[in-house]
Amino acid sequence: QVQLVESGGGLAQAGGSLRLSCAASGDSFSRYALGWLRQAPGKEREFVAGSSWSGGSTGYGDSAKGRFTISRDNAKNTAYLQMNGLKPEDTAVYYCAAIRAGGRGYYSSSAAYNFWGQGTQVTVSS
């Protein structure tokens, strides 16, 4: 089984940038499709970005398109979420999630993922 640890969250100003990292351990990282999801207080968990096991297929939720970029380095067992043009509505706890999948696609439903990190808080001030 894979264990996931997020880092890189914090406080940013509107229009600023943050890069989140997701460090994996315990199993071969390249066996897993990955996703970044977020949850704001009082709201449902929301899909932000997803990546196939190779990184060759990626996808984004509507709120992330054009501003966020998901990437991964399987040699380093690490995934990233580069967030640019941050908005106050991006404030949430961001989770890295994984599903063991060797296919070409990514997964946009939180129900698909069976391994989760503890989350990292991102707060964007106006």
Protein backbone atom coordinates (compact mmCIF):
# COMPACT_ATOMS: atom_id res chain seq x y z
CA GLN A 1 0.00 0.00 0.00
CA VAL A 2 1.10 3.54 -0.65
CA GLN A 3 1.33 6.24 1.98
CA LEU A 4 0.94 9.88 0.95
CA VAL A 5 2.16 13.03 2.67
CA GLU A 6 1.29 16.48 1.38
CA SER A 7 3.31 19.62 1.98
CA GLY A 8 3.60 23.14 0.64
CA GLY A 9 0.35 24.63 1.84
CA GLY A 10 0.16 27.93 3.61
CA LEU A 11 -1.02 31.49 3.27
CA ALA A 12 -0.92 33.27 -0.08
CA GLN A 13 -2.28 36.51 -1.40
CA ALA A 14 -4.80 36.63 -4.21
CA GLY A 15 -2.97 36.41 -7.51
CA GLY A 16 -0.05 34.60 -5.92
CA SER A 17 1.26 31.07 -6.33
CA LEU A 18 1.88 27.98 -4.27
CA ARG A 19 3.28 24.59 -5.13
CA LEU A 20 1.99 21.59 -3.26
CA SER A 21 3.96 18.37 -3.06
CA CYS A 22 2.79 14.84 -2.41
CA ALA A 23 5.47 12.42 -1.28
CA ALA A 24 4.67 8.74 -1.63
CA SER A 25 6.17 5.75 0.11
CA GLY A 26 5.45 2.10 0.74
CA ASP A 27 4.81 0.90 -2.79
CA SER A 28 5.89 1.57 -6.34
CA PHE A 29 4.63 5.05 -7.07
CA SER A 30 4.29 4.41 -10.78
CA ARG A 31 1.55 1.83 -10.14
CA TYR A 32 -0.84 4.57 -9.05
CA ALA A 33 -2.98 7.16 -10.72
CA LEU A 34 -3.06 10.31 -8.61
CA GLY A 35 -5.41 13.12 -7.86
CA TRP A 36 -5.55 16.38 -6.01
CA LEU A 37 -8.87 17.15 -4.36
CA ARG A 38 -9.88 19.89 -1.97
CA GLN A 39 -12.50 20.56 0.63
CA ALA A 40 -13.56 23.93 1.94
CA PRO A 41 -15.53 24.31 5.19
CA GLY A 42 -19.16 23.40 4.69
CA LYS A 43 -18.58 22.17 1.15
CA GLU A 44 -18.22 18.79 -0.49
CA ARG A 45 -14.85 17.47 -1.54
CA GLU A 46 -14.01 18.76 -5.00
CA PHE A 47 -11.83 17.32 -7.75
CA VAL A 48 -8.98 19.68 -8.63
CA ALA A 49 -6.62 17.71 -10.88
CA GLY A 50 -5.75 14.13 -11.81
CA SER A 51 -2.90 12.28 -13.43
CA SER A 52 -2.50 8.83 -14.92
CA TRP A 53 0.29 6.64 -13.57
CA SER A 54 2.70 7.95 -16.17
CA GLY A 55 1.62 11.55 -16.14
CA GLY A 56 0.75 11.24 -19.81
CA SER A 57 -2.91 11.91 -19.16
CA THR A 58 -4.02 14.75 -16.94
CA GLY A 59 -7.28 16.50 -16.27
CA TYR A 60 -8.63 19.38 -14.24
CA GLY A 61 -11.75 20.49 -12.51
CA ASP A 62 -13.39 23.61 -13.84
CA SER A 63 -12.05 25.74 -11.01
CA ALA A 64 -8.46 24.72 -11.76
CA LYS A 65 -8.36 24.89 -15.54
CA GLY A 66 -5.85 27.39 -16.85
CA ARG A 67 -4.42 28.13 -13.40
CA PHE A 68 -3.24 24.86 -11.85
CA THR A 69 -0.88 22.23 -13.20
CA ILE A 70 -0.47 18.68 -11.93
CA SER A 71 2.78 16.85 -12.50
CA ARG A 72 4.65 13.89 -11.12
CA ASP A 73 8.18 12.56 -10.91
CA ASN A 74 7.97 8.80 -10.51
CA ALA A 75 11.71 8.55 -9.95
CA LYS A 76 11.31 10.79 -6.89
CA ASN A 77 7.99 9.27 -5.78
CA THR A 78 6.52 12.75 -5.71
CA ALA A 79 3.61 14.55 -7.30
CA TYR A 80 3.05 18.27 -7.49
CA LEU A 81 0.27 20.77 -7.89
CA GLN A 82 1.43 24.15 -9.13
CA MET A 83 -1.20 26.73 -8.34
CA ASN A 84 -1.02 30.15 -10.00
CA GLY A 85 -3.44 33.03 -9.98
CA LEU A 86 -4.79 32.03 -6.61
CA LYS A 87 -8.20 33.31 -5.55
CA PRO A 88 -9.81 33.51 -2.10
CA GLU A 89 -12.23 30.80 -3.20
CA ASP A 90 -9.27 28.42 -3.54
CA THR A 91 -9.04 28.38 0.24
CA ALA A 92 -9.46 24.76 1.33
CA VAL A 93 -7.69 21.70 2.63
CA TYR A 94 -5.96 20.05 -0.30
CA TYR A 95 -5.61 16.28 -0.39
CA CYS A 96 -3.42 14.04 -2.46
CA ALA A 97 -5.10 10.75 -3.32
CA ALA A 98 -4.11 7.59 -5.18
CA ILE A 99 -5.62 4.56 -6.81
CA ARG A 100 -3.64 1.60 -8.05
CA ALA A 101 -4.31 1.71 -11.76
CA GLY A 102 -2.22 0.86 -14.78
CA GLY A 103 -4.51 2.32 -17.37
CA ARG A 104 -3.99 5.44 -19.36
CA GLY A 105 -6.51 7.64 -17.62
CA TYR A 106 -6.98 9.71 -14.53
CA TYR A 107 -9.93 9.75 -12.13
CA SER A 108 -12.11 12.75 -11.33
CA SER A 109 -14.36 11.18 -8.70
CA SER A 110 -13.20 11.25 -5.10
CA ALA A 111 -14.95 7.89 -4.63
CA ALA A 112 -12.43 6.29 -6.99
CA TYR A 113 -9.46 6.88 -4.70
CA ASN A 114 -8.63 4.52 -1.88
CA PHE A 115 -5.44 6.07 -0.52
CA TRP A 116 -5.37 9.56 0.93
CA GLY A 117 -2.90 11.92 2.52
CA GLN A 118 -3.68 13.92 5.63
CA GLY A 119 -4.23 17.14 3.72
CA THR A 120 -2.54 20.52 3.68
CA GLN A 121 -4.29 23.84 4.33
CA VAL A 122 -4.22 26.52 1.66
CA THR A 123 -5.52 29.94 2.61
CA VAL A 124 -5.76 32.75 0.08
CA SER A 125 -6.30 36.27 1.32
CA SER A 126 -7.91 39.00 -0.76
